[in-house]
Amino acid sequence: MFLDRELDKARYGPTWLKDARLSKIVADSLSYGVEQLRLYRLSAYVVMSNHVHVLIWPRAYLSKITKSIKGYTARECNKLLSRTGENFWQDESFDHSVRNENEFWRIKRYIELNPVKAGLVTRPEEWAWSSATVLELP
């Protein structure tokens, strides 16, 4: 959790996702993975200035899902930033299997409260790049 708190403060690493055009690319690619590629069911997400959290129900291997999202968004974001041949995302990702319903709801809340905890908004639904704004879950 310490690492997450530090990432939320955006004191480390590139903060390219502060650019709304880039955040939109990431958010749109998450929707595309659901609607067109059918790689997963999306339960929650948030695009922060220097990282992204997602909560999914995979329908494909996680490596395929991550490659799809990271590959596409890296190419498109790097085009807008006039960067070629450079990494956009870190190589590693953190993943965790949700073990029960209580954990699912705790993780969902954690993801959607990220912008609030970072002091960027007062309510989760105020953050444009979040499932708190756009998704209706059962």
N, C-alpha and C. Protein backbone atom coordinates (compact mmCIF):
# COMPACT_ATOMS: atom_id res chain seq x y z
N MET A 1 0.81 -1.20 0.00
CA MET A 1 0.00 0.00 0.00
C MET A 1 0.86 1.27 0.00
N PHE A 2 2.05 1.20 0.61
CA PHE A 2 2.93 2.36 0.61
C PHE A 2 3.25 2.79 -0.81
N LEU A 3 3.59 1.82 -1.67
CA LEU A 3 3.92 2.13 -3.06
C LEU A 3 2.74 2.80 -3.75
N ASP A 4 1.54 2.29 -3.53
CA ASP A 4 0.35 2.90 -4.13
C ASP A 4 0.17 4.34 -3.68
N ARG A 5 0.36 4.59 -2.38
CA ARG A 5 0.22 5.97 -1.86
C ARG A 5 1.23 6.89 -2.52
N GLU A 6 2.45 6.42 -2.70
CA GLU A 6 3.48 7.24 -3.33
C GLU A 6 3.17 7.47 -4.80
N LEU A 7 2.69 6.43 -5.50
CA LEU A 7 2.30 6.60 -6.91
C LEU A 7 1.18 7.61 -7.04
N ASP A 8 0.21 7.55 -6.12
CA ASP A 8 -0.93 8.46 -6.18
C ASP A 8 -0.50 9.91 -6.05
N LYS A 9 0.57 10.15 -5.30
CA LYS A 9 1.05 11.52 -5.13
C LYS A 9 1.76 12.03 -6.39
N ALA A 10 2.07 11.13 -7.31
CA ALA A 10 2.72 11.47 -8.60
C ALA A 10 4.03 12.19 -8.40
N ARG A 11 4.79 11.80 -7.41
CA ARG A 11 6.10 12.38 -7.19
C ARG A 11 7.20 11.61 -7.91
N TYR A 12 6.85 10.40 -8.39
CA TYR A 12 7.84 9.54 -9.01
C TYR A 12 7.38 9.15 -10.41
N GLY A 13 8.35 9.05 -11.29
CA GLY A 13 8.06 8.57 -12.64
C GLY A 13 7.34 9.61 -13.49
N PRO A 14 7.18 9.28 -14.75
CA PRO A 14 6.50 10.18 -15.67
C PRO A 14 5.01 10.33 -15.32
N THR A 15 4.49 11.50 -15.55
CA THR A 15 3.07 11.76 -15.27
C THR A 15 2.34 12.13 -16.57
N TRP A 16 2.62 11.38 -17.61
CA TRP A 16 2.04 11.66 -18.92
C TRP A 16 0.52 11.60 -18.91
N LEU A 17 -0.04 10.77 -18.05
CA LEU A 17 -1.49 10.58 -18.06
C LEU A 17 -2.25 11.77 -17.47
N LYS A 18 -1.54 12.82 -17.08
CA LYS A 18 -2.21 14.07 -16.71
C LYS A 18 -2.84 14.70 -17.96
N ASP A 19 -2.29 14.35 -19.11
CA ASP A 19 -2.80 14.83 -20.39
C ASP A 19 -4.10 14.09 -20.70
N ALA A 20 -5.20 14.79 -20.77
CA ALA A 20 -6.52 14.18 -20.96
C ALA A 20 -6.57 13.35 -22.25
N ARG A 21 -5.83 13.75 -23.27
CA ARG A 21 -5.83 12.98 -24.51
C ARG A 21 -5.28 11.58 -24.28
N LEU A 22 -4.25 11.48 -23.44
CA LEU A 22 -3.64 10.19 -23.16
C LEU A 22 -4.52 9.36 -22.23
N SER A 23 -5.11 10.00 -21.23
CA SER A 23 -6.03 9.29 -20.34
C SER A 23 -7.20 8.73 -21.12
N LYS A 24 -7.67 9.48 -22.09
CA LYS A 24 -8.79 9.02 -22.93
C LYS A 24 -8.38 7.79 -23.74
N ILE A 25 -7.18 7.78 -24.27
CA ILE A 25 -6.69 6.62 -25.02
C ILE A 25 -6.72 5.38 -24.13
N VAL A 26 -6.26 5.52 -22.90
CA VAL A 26 -6.23 4.38 -21.98
C VAL A 26 -7.65 3.93 -21.63
N ALA A 27 -8.51 4.87 -21.26
CA ALA A 27 -9.89 4.53 -20.91
C ALA A 27 -10.62 3.89 -22.09
N ASP A 28 -10.43 4.46 -23.27
CA ASP A 28 -11.08 3.90 -24.47
C ASP A 28 -10.56 2.49 -24.78
N SER A 29 -9.28 2.27 -24.55
CA SER A 29 -8.72 0.94 -24.84
C SER A 29 -9.28 -0.10 -23.86
N LEU A 30 -9.55 0.30 -22.64
CA LEU A 30 -10.16 -0.62 -21.67
C LEU A 30 -11.55 -1.01 -22.14
N SER A 31 -12.32 -0.04 -22.62
CA SER A 31 -13.65 -0.34 -23.16
C SER A 31 -13.56 -1.21 -24.40
N TYR A 32 -12.61 -0.94 -25.27
CA TYR A 32 -12.42 -1.72 -26.48
C TYR A 32 -12.12 -3.19 -26.15
N GLY A 33 -11.32 -3.41 -25.12
CA GLY A 33 -10.99 -4.76 -24.69
C GLY A 33 -12.21 -5.54 -24.24
N VAL A 34 -13.20 -4.82 -23.71
CA VAL A 34 -14.45 -5.43 -23.28
C VAL A 34 -15.38 -5.64 -24.48
N GLU A 35 -15.65 -4.56 -25.20
CA GLU A 35 -16.71 -4.55 -26.21
C GLU A 35 -16.32 -5.21 -27.53
N GLN A 36 -15.11 -4.99 -27.99
CA GLN A 36 -14.70 -5.51 -29.30
C GLN A 36 -13.87 -6.79 -29.20
N LEU A 37 -12.87 -6.76 -28.33
CA LEU A 37 -11.98 -7.93 -28.22
C LEU A 37 -12.54 -9.00 -27.30
N ARG A 38 -13.43 -8.61 -26.41
CA ARG A 38 -14.04 -9.53 -25.45
C ARG A 38 -13.00 -10.30 -24.64
N LEU A 39 -11.95 -9.60 -24.24
CA LEU A 39 -10.87 -10.23 -23.47
C LEU A 39 -11.20 -10.34 -21.99
N TYR A 40 -12.11 -9.51 -21.50
CA TYR A 40 -12.43 -9.48 -20.07
C TYR A 40 -13.73 -8.73 -19.85
N ARG A 41 -14.22 -8.87 -18.63
CA ARG A 41 -15.33 -8.05 -18.16
C ARG A 41 -14.72 -7.05 -17.19
N LEU A 42 -14.99 -5.79 -17.40
CA LEU A 42 -14.38 -4.72 -16.60
C LEU A 42 -15.29 -4.37 -15.44
N SER A 43 -14.78 -4.48 -14.22
CA SER A 43 -15.56 -4.18 -13.02
C SER A 43 -15.21 -2.82 -12.43
N ALA A 44 -13.96 -2.40 -12.56
CA ALA A 44 -13.55 -1.09 -12.05
C ALA A 44 -12.23 -0.70 -12.69
N TYR A 45 -12.03 0.62 -12.81
CA TYR A 45 -10.74 1.13 -13.28
C TYR A 45 -10.57 2.57 -12.84
N VAL A 46 -9.33 3.00 -12.83
CA VAL A 46 -9.01 4.41 -12.65
C VAL A 46 -7.70 4.68 -13.39
N VAL A 47 -7.67 5.78 -14.12
CA VAL A 47 -6.45 6.23 -14.79
C VAL A 47 -5.94 7.42 -13.98
N MET A 48 -4.79 7.23 -13.34
CA MET A 48 -4.16 8.30 -12.57
C MET A 48 -3.06 8.92 -13.44
N SER A 49 -2.36 9.91 -12.92
CA SER A 49 -1.36 10.60 -13.73
C SER A 49 -0.17 9.73 -14.09
N ASN A 50 0.14 8.74 -13.26
CA ASN A 50 1.33 7.94 -13.51
C ASN A 50 1.11 6.43 -13.37
N HIS A 51 -0.15 6.00 -13.26
CA HIS A 51 -0.45 4.57 -13.21
C HIS A 51 -1.94 4.34 -13.44
N VAL A 52 -2.28 3.07 -13.63
CA VAL A 52 -3.66 2.68 -13.89
C VAL A 52 -3.98 1.47 -13.02
N HIS A 53 -5.19 1.44 -12.46
CA HIS A 53 -5.69 0.27 -11.74
C HIS A 53 -6.88 -0.28 -12.52
N VAL A 54 -6.96 -1.60 -12.65
CA VAL A 54 -8.12 -2.23 -13.26
C VAL A 54 -8.53 -3.44 -12.44
N LEU A 55 -9.82 -3.69 -12.41
CA LEU A 55 -10.38 -4.88 -11.79
C LEU A 55 -11.21 -5.57 -12.87
N ILE A 56 -10.74 -6.73 -13.28
CA ILE A 56 -11.38 -7.42 -14.41
C ILE A 56 -11.72 -8.86 -14.07
N TRP A 57 -12.63 -9.41 -14.88
CA TRP A 57 -12.91 -10.83 -14.91
C TRP A 57 -12.34 -11.31 -16.26
N PRO A 58 -11.17 -11.92 -16.24
CA PRO A 58 -10.52 -12.27 -17.51
C PRO A 58 -11.27 -13.34 -18.29
N ARG A 59 -11.23 -13.19 -19.62
CA ARG A 59 -11.75 -14.20 -20.54
C ARG A 59 -10.63 -14.72 -21.43
N ALA A 60 -9.42 -14.27 -21.13
CA ALA A 60 -8.22 -14.69 -21.87
C ALA A 60 -7.08 -14.71 -20.86
N TYR A 61 -5.94 -15.22 -21.29
CA TYR A 61 -4.77 -15.21 -20.42
C TYR A 61 -4.39 -13.77 -20.08
N LEU A 62 -3.99 -13.56 -18.84
CA LEU A 62 -3.63 -12.22 -18.39
C LEU A 62 -2.51 -11.62 -19.25
N SER A 63 -1.57 -12.43 -19.68
CA SER A 63 -0.48 -11.91 -20.52
C SER A 63 -1.01 -11.34 -21.84
N LYS A 64 -2.03 -11.97 -22.40
CA LYS A 64 -2.64 -11.46 -23.65
C LYS A 64 -3.37 -10.15 -23.39
N ILE A 65 -4.08 -10.08 -22.27
CA ILE A 65 -4.81 -8.86 -21.93
C ILE A 65 -3.85 -7.70 -21.71
N THR A 66 -2.81 -7.94 -20.92
CA THR A 66 -1.85 -6.87 -20.62
C THR A 66 -1.13 -6.42 -21.89
N LYS A 67 -0.73 -7.38 -22.71
CA LYS A 67 -0.04 -7.03 -23.96
C LYS A 67 -0.94 -6.18 -24.84
N SER A 68 -2.20 -6.54 -24.93
CA SER A 68 -3.14 -5.80 -25.76
C SER A 68 -3.30 -4.36 -25.27
N ILE A 69 -3.55 -4.21 -23.99
CA ILE A 69 -3.76 -2.86 -23.44
C ILE A 69 -2.48 -2.04 -23.49
N LYS A 70 -1.40 -2.59 -22.97
CA LYS A 70 -0.13 -1.84 -22.91
C LYS A 70 0.42 -1.55 -24.30
N GLY A 71 0.35 -2.53 -25.19
CA GLY A 71 0.91 -2.34 -26.53
C GLY A 71 0.20 -1.23 -27.29
N TYR A 72 -1.12 -1.31 -27.34
CA TYR A 72 -1.88 -0.30 -28.07
C TYR A 72 -1.72 1.08 -27.45
N THR A 73 -1.92 1.17 -26.14
CA THR A 73 -1.86 2.49 -25.50
C THR A 73 -0.46 3.10 -25.57
N ALA A 74 0.56 2.28 -25.46
CA ALA A 74 1.93 2.79 -25.56
C ALA A 74 2.18 3.40 -26.94
N ARG A 75 1.77 2.68 -27.99
CA ARG A 75 1.97 3.20 -29.36
C ARG A 75 1.22 4.51 -29.55
N GLU A 76 -0.05 4.54 -29.18
CA GLU A 76 -0.88 5.73 -29.41
C GLU A 76 -0.43 6.92 -28.56
N CYS A 77 -0.12 6.66 -27.30
CA CYS A 77 0.33 7.76 -26.43
C CYS A 77 1.69 8.29 -26.88
N ASN A 78 2.59 7.38 -27.23
CA ASN A 78 3.91 7.82 -27.69
C ASN A 78 3.81 8.65 -28.97
N LYS A 79 2.86 8.33 -29.85
CA LYS A 79 2.65 9.15 -31.06
C LYS A 79 2.31 10.58 -30.67
N LEU A 80 1.38 10.74 -29.73
CA LEU A 80 0.98 12.09 -29.31
C LEU A 80 2.11 12.83 -28.60
N LEU A 81 2.98 12.08 -27.95
CA LEU A 81 4.10 12.69 -27.23
C LEU A 81 5.34 12.85 -28.12
N SER A 82 5.22 12.46 -29.40
CA SER A 82 6.35 12.49 -30.35
C SER A 82 7.54 11.70 -29.82
N ARG A 83 7.25 10.54 -29.26
CA ARG A 83 8.29 9.65 -28.75
C ARG A 83 8.22 8.37 -29.59
N THR A 84 9.33 7.92 -30.08
CA THR A 84 9.34 6.66 -30.82
C THR A 84 10.41 5.74 -30.24
N GLY A 85 10.09 4.46 -30.20
CA GLY A 85 11.06 3.47 -29.73
C GLY A 85 11.36 3.55 -28.25
N GLU A 86 10.52 4.22 -27.48
CA GLU A 86 10.75 4.33 -26.03
C GLU A 86 9.61 3.66 -25.27
N ASN A 87 9.94 3.15 -24.10
CA ASN A 87 8.91 2.54 -23.25
C ASN A 87 7.96 3.61 -22.74
N PHE A 88 6.70 3.26 -22.70
CA PHE A 88 5.70 4.13 -22.09
C PHE A 88 5.32 3.59 -20.72
N TRP A 89 5.11 2.28 -20.65
CA TRP A 89 4.76 1.60 -19.41
C TRP A 89 5.97 0.89 -18.83
N GLN A 90 5.95 0.66 -17.53
CA GLN A 90 6.96 -0.21 -16.92
C GLN A 90 6.72 -1.63 -17.42
N ASP A 91 7.78 -2.42 -17.46
CA ASP A 91 7.66 -3.80 -17.95
C ASP A 91 6.77 -4.65 -17.07
N GLU A 92 6.88 -4.47 -15.76
CA GLU A 92 6.11 -5.33 -14.86
C GLU A 92 4.74 -4.76 -14.56
N SER A 93 3.88 -5.65 -14.13
CA SER A 93 2.54 -5.28 -13.67
C SER A 93 2.30 -6.02 -12.37
N PHE A 94 1.44 -5.51 -11.56
CA PHE A 94 1.06 -6.21 -10.34
C PHE A 94 -0.31 -6.79 -10.55
N ASP A 95 -0.45 -8.09 -10.33
CA ASP A 95 -1.77 -8.69 -10.43
C ASP A 95 -2.07 -9.48 -9.17
N HIS A 96 -3.35 -9.65 -8.92
CA HIS A 96 -3.81 -10.33 -7.71
C HIS A 96 -5.14 -11.00 -8.01
N SER A 97 -5.30 -12.23 -7.59
CA SER A 97 -6.57 -12.93 -7.76
C SER A 97 -7.50 -12.57 -6.60
N VAL A 98 -8.70 -12.17 -6.93
CA VAL A 98 -9.70 -11.85 -5.93
C VAL A 98 -10.27 -13.16 -5.40
N ARG A 99 -10.29 -13.29 -4.09
CA ARG A 99 -10.64 -14.58 -3.49
C ARG A 99 -12.08 -14.68 -2.99
N ASN A 100 -12.74 -13.56 -2.77
CA ASN A 100 -14.12 -13.63 -2.29
C ASN A 100 -14.83 -12.30 -2.56
N GLU A 101 -16.11 -12.29 -2.32
CA GLU A 101 -16.93 -11.11 -2.62
C GLU A 101 -16.52 -9.89 -1.80
N ASN A 102 -16.20 -10.08 -0.53
CA ASN A 102 -15.76 -8.94 0.31
C ASN A 102 -14.49 -8.31 -0.25
N GLU A 103 -13.56 -9.15 -0.68
CA GLU A 103 -12.33 -8.63 -1.26
C GLU A 103 -12.60 -7.89 -2.57
N PHE A 104 -13.50 -8.42 -3.37
CA PHE A 104 -13.88 -7.75 -4.62
C PHE A 104 -14.34 -6.32 -4.34
N TRP A 105 -15.28 -6.16 -3.40
CA TRP A 105 -15.82 -4.82 -3.11
C TRP A 105 -14.77 -3.91 -2.47
N ARG A 106 -13.88 -4.48 -1.66
CA ARG A 106 -12.80 -3.68 -1.06
C ARG A 106 -11.87 -3.14 -2.15
N ILE A 107 -11.51 -4.00 -3.10
CA ILE A 107 -10.61 -3.60 -4.19
C ILE A 107 -11.29 -2.57 -5.09
N LYS A 108 -12.55 -2.80 -5.41
CA LYS A 108 -13.30 -1.85 -6.24
C LYS A 108 -13.33 -0.47 -5.58
N ARG A 109 -13.64 -0.44 -4.29
CA ARG A 109 -13.65 0.85 -3.56
C ARG A 109 -12.27 1.49 -3.57
N TYR A 110 -11.25 0.67 -3.33
CA TYR A 110 -9.88 1.18 -3.32
C TYR A 110 -9.55 1.85 -4.66
N ILE A 111 -9.88 1.18 -5.75
CA ILE A 111 -9.59 1.71 -7.09
C ILE A 111 -10.32 3.03 -7.31
N GLU A 112 -11.61 3.04 -7.05
CA GLU A 112 -12.40 4.23 -7.36
C GLU A 112 -12.14 5.39 -6.39
N LEU A 113 -11.61 5.09 -5.21
CA LEU A 113 -11.27 6.16 -4.26
C LEU A 113 -9.87 6.72 -4.48
N ASN A 114 -9.09 6.13 -5.38
CA ASN A 114 -7.72 6.58 -5.63
C ASN A 114 -7.61 8.09 -5.85
N PRO A 115 -8.41 8.69 -6.74
CA PRO A 115 -8.29 10.14 -6.96
C PRO A 115 -8.67 10.97 -5.73
N VAL A 116 -9.58 10.45 -4.92
CA VAL A 116 -9.96 11.15 -3.68
C VAL A 116 -8.79 11.12 -2.70
N LYS A 117 -8.21 9.92 -2.50
CA LYS A 117 -7.08 9.78 -1.58
C LYS A 117 -5.88 10.60 -2.03
N ALA A 118 -5.75 10.80 -3.34
CA ALA A 118 -4.65 11.60 -3.87
C ALA A 118 -4.94 13.10 -3.78
N GLY A 119 -6.14 13.45 -3.32
CA GLY A 119 -6.50 14.87 -3.17
C GLY A 119 -6.86 15.56 -4.48
N LEU A 120 -7.22 14.79 -5.49
CA LEU A 120 -7.52 15.37 -6.79
C LEU A 120 -8.99 15.77 -6.93
N VAL A 121 -9.87 15.08 -6.22
CA VAL A 121 -11.31 15.36 -6.21
C VAL A 121 -11.83 15.05 -4.82
N THR A 122 -13.06 15.48 -4.55
CA THR A 122 -13.64 15.17 -3.24
C THR A 122 -14.54 13.94 -3.27
N ARG A 123 -15.06 13.60 -4.45
CA ARG A 123 -15.92 12.41 -4.60
C ARG A 123 -15.44 11.61 -5.81
N PRO A 124 -15.47 10.28 -5.74
CA PRO A 124 -14.95 9.46 -6.85
C PRO A 124 -15.58 9.76 -8.20
N GLU A 125 -16.88 10.04 -8.22
CA GLU A 125 -17.56 10.27 -9.50
C GLU A 125 -17.15 11.57 -10.18
N GLU A 126 -16.39 12.41 -9.49
CA GLU A 126 -15.88 13.66 -10.09
C GLU A 126 -14.66 13.41 -10.98
N TRP A 127 -14.02 12.26 -10.84
CA TRP A 127 -12.81 11.96 -11.62
C TRP A 127 -13.23 11.41 -12.97
N ALA A 128 -12.86 12.08 -14.04
CA ALA A 128 -13.32 11.73 -15.38
C ALA A 128 -12.85 10.35 -15.85
N TRP A 129 -11.70 9.90 -15.39
CA TRP A 129 -11.10 8.68 -15.92
C TRP A 129 -11.24 7.53 -14.92
N SER A 130 -12.49 7.23 -14.59
CA SER A 130 -12.76 6.22 -13.58
C SER A 130 -14.08 5.52 -13.83
N SER A 131 -14.15 4.28 -13.41
CA SER A 131 -15.42 3.55 -13.49
C SER A 131 -16.47 4.14 -12.56
N ALA A 132 -16.06 4.88 -11.56
CA ALA A 132 -17.03 5.53 -10.67
C ALA A 132 -17.89 6.52 -11.45
N THR A 133 -17.35 7.01 -12.55
CA THR A 133 -18.04 7.97 -13.39
C THR A 133 -18.87 7.30 -14.47
N VAL A 134 -18.39 6.19 -15.03
CA VAL A 134 -19.00 5.67 -16.25
C VAL A 134 -19.65 4.30 -16.16
N LEU A 135 -19.32 3.49 -15.19
CA LEU A 135 -19.84 2.12 -15.17
C LEU A 135 -20.99 1.99 -14.18
N GLU A 136 -21.97 1.23 -14.55
CA GLU A 136 -23.02 0.83 -13.61
C GLU A 136 -22.87 -0.67 -13.40
N LEU A 137 -22.59 -1.05 -12.18
CA LEU A 137 -22.37 -2.46 -11.88
C LEU A 137 -23.58 -3.05 -11.16
N PRO A 138 -23.80 -4.34 -11.31
CA PRO A 138 -24.93 -4.98 -10.61
C PRO A 138 -24.74 -4.94 -9.10
